[in-house]
Amino acid sequence: MATKQATRTTRWTLGVGSEYAVIDSNPENAEMGNPNGDRVDLVYFLSASTEYGTRRREARVFLTEAEAEAWLPFAPSVELWHDAFPVYGSQAYQDSGAEQEEIELEMREEQESYW
């Protein structure tokens, strides 16, 4: 007798996220506060999240939000994307220990600022 296994479907909400990142480096532009001559700019990426707060992100980055949005219909399955930091304040965030990690990081940064 064959048994039937239940399958669980995860619902992902797709969108576009952004962050600042180094997009170019030129040693000729180096200076005291920027020894590598890095150029930092806003980049965009595809992001997916669940109601629980699990988040994934596609590896490709875009220079404009419009480019990222245009790529959404052609993006590979979310299951192939990389796990990303959980949605701030979500149940996934709380369950992952991320909140404690952030508190510890803030404490270390504050202690180092006294040096």
Protein backbone atom coordinates (compact mmCIF):
# COMPACT_ATOMS: atom_id res chain seq x y z
CA MET A 1 0.00 0.00 0.00
CA ALA A 2 1.44 3.34 -1.04
CA THR A 3 1.50 6.18 1.43
CA LYS A 4 0.93 9.72 0.42
CA GLN A 5 3.31 12.34 1.75
CA ALA A 6 2.04 15.80 2.45
CA THR A 7 3.82 18.56 0.61
CA ARG A 8 4.23 21.96 2.13
CA THR A 9 4.22 25.01 -0.07
CA THR A 10 5.98 28.15 1.08
CA ARG A 11 4.48 31.42 -0.08
CA TRP A 12 7.10 33.99 -0.95
CA THR A 13 6.45 37.70 -1.39
CA LEU A 14 8.81 39.06 -4.03
CA GLY A 15 10.20 42.56 -4.11
CA VAL A 16 13.25 44.72 -4.63
CA GLY A 17 15.67 45.58 -1.85
CA SER A 18 18.56 48.00 -1.75
CA GLU A 19 21.81 48.58 0.11
CA TYR A 20 24.99 50.57 -0.21
CA ALA A 21 27.91 48.63 -1.66
CA VAL A 22 31.33 49.21 -3.18
CA ILE A 23 30.75 49.30 -6.92
CA ASP A 24 34.19 50.35 -8.08
CA SER A 25 37.71 50.84 -6.75
CA ASN A 26 40.42 53.05 -8.19
CA PRO A 27 43.69 53.47 -6.25
CA GLU A 28 44.20 56.84 -7.95
CA ASN A 29 41.20 58.11 -5.96
CA ALA A 30 42.60 56.85 -2.65
CA GLU A 31 42.78 59.20 0.30
CA MET A 32 43.23 58.95 4.05
CA GLY A 33 39.64 57.93 4.80
CA ASN A 34 39.33 55.77 1.68
CA PRO A 35 42.69 54.00 1.14
CA ASN A 36 41.39 51.77 -1.69
CA GLY A 37 39.69 54.54 -3.62
CA ASP A 38 36.35 52.75 -3.27
CA ARG A 39 33.25 54.23 -4.85
CA VAL A 40 30.12 53.40 -2.90
CA ASP A 41 26.63 53.63 -4.36
CA LEU A 42 23.14 52.28 -3.86
CA VAL A 43 22.55 48.91 -5.53
CA TYR A 44 19.32 46.95 -5.90
CA PHE A 45 18.58 43.23 -5.68
CA LEU A 46 15.62 40.85 -5.74
CA SER A 47 14.35 39.86 -2.33
CA ALA A 48 11.73 37.35 -1.19
CA SER A 49 10.22 36.91 2.27
CA THR A 50 7.63 34.76 4.00
CA GLU A 51 5.03 35.73 6.60
CA TYR A 52 7.27 34.09 9.22
CA GLY A 53 10.07 36.48 8.25
CA THR A 54 12.43 34.14 6.42
CA ARG A 55 14.17 36.09 3.70
CA ARG A 56 16.09 35.10 0.59
CA ARG A 57 17.95 37.16 -1.94
CA GLU A 58 19.01 36.65 -5.53
CA ALA A 59 22.74 37.12 -6.15
CA ARG A 60 22.45 39.50 -9.11
CA VAL A 61 22.69 43.24 -8.33
CA PHE A 62 21.33 46.13 -10.37
CA LEU A 63 22.25 49.80 -10.55
CA THR A 64 18.63 50.99 -10.78
CA GLU A 65 15.41 49.90 -9.14
CA ALA A 66 13.73 49.76 -12.57
CA GLU A 67 16.31 47.21 -13.81
CA ALA A 68 15.68 45.02 -10.77
CA GLU A 69 11.90 45.19 -11.18
CA ALA A 70 12.22 44.31 -14.88
CA TRP A 71 14.21 41.19 -13.95
CA LEU A 72 11.52 39.82 -11.55
CA PRO A 73 9.61 37.78 -14.20
CA PHE A 74 12.86 36.15 -15.38
CA ALA A 75 14.43 35.38 -12.02
CA PRO A 76 15.19 31.77 -11.11
CA SER A 77 13.13 29.94 -8.48
CA VAL A 78 13.37 31.45 -5.00
CA GLU A 79 14.53 28.04 -3.77
CA LEU A 80 17.82 28.71 -5.61
CA TRP A 81 18.39 32.10 -3.96
CA HIS A 82 20.68 32.66 -0.98
CA ASP A 83 19.37 32.83 2.57
CA ALA A 84 19.45 36.38 3.86
CA PHE A 85 19.09 38.07 7.24
CA PRO A 86 15.52 37.59 8.56
CA VAL A 87 13.01 40.45 8.41
CA TYR A 88 13.68 42.76 11.36
CA GLY A 89 11.31 42.08 14.27
CA SER A 90 9.71 39.01 12.65
CA GLN A 91 9.28 35.65 14.35
CA ALA A 92 12.15 34.31 12.22
CA TYR A 93 14.31 37.19 13.48
CA GLN A 94 13.50 36.37 17.09
CA ASP A 95 13.88 32.60 16.66
CA SER A 96 17.21 32.88 14.83
CA GLY A 97 19.00 34.67 17.65
CA ALA A 98 19.69 37.61 15.35
CA GLU A 99 18.36 40.03 17.93
CA GLN A 100 20.91 38.84 20.49
CA GLU A 101 23.68 39.00 17.88
CA GLU A 102 22.80 42.62 17.09
CA ILE A 103 22.78 43.55 20.77
CA GLU A 104 26.23 41.98 21.25
CA LEU A 105 27.57 43.73 18.13
CA GLU A 106 26.26 47.09 19.35
CA MET A 107 27.89 46.50 22.74
CA ARG A 108 31.26 45.64 21.13
CA GLU A 109 31.08 48.68 18.84
CA GLU A 110 30.27 50.93 21.77
CA GLN A 111 33.18 49.55 23.80
CA GLU A 112 35.58 49.97 20.86
CA SER A 113 34.47 53.59 20.39
CA TYR A 114 36.02 54.46 23.74
CA TRP A 115 39.51 53.57 22.52
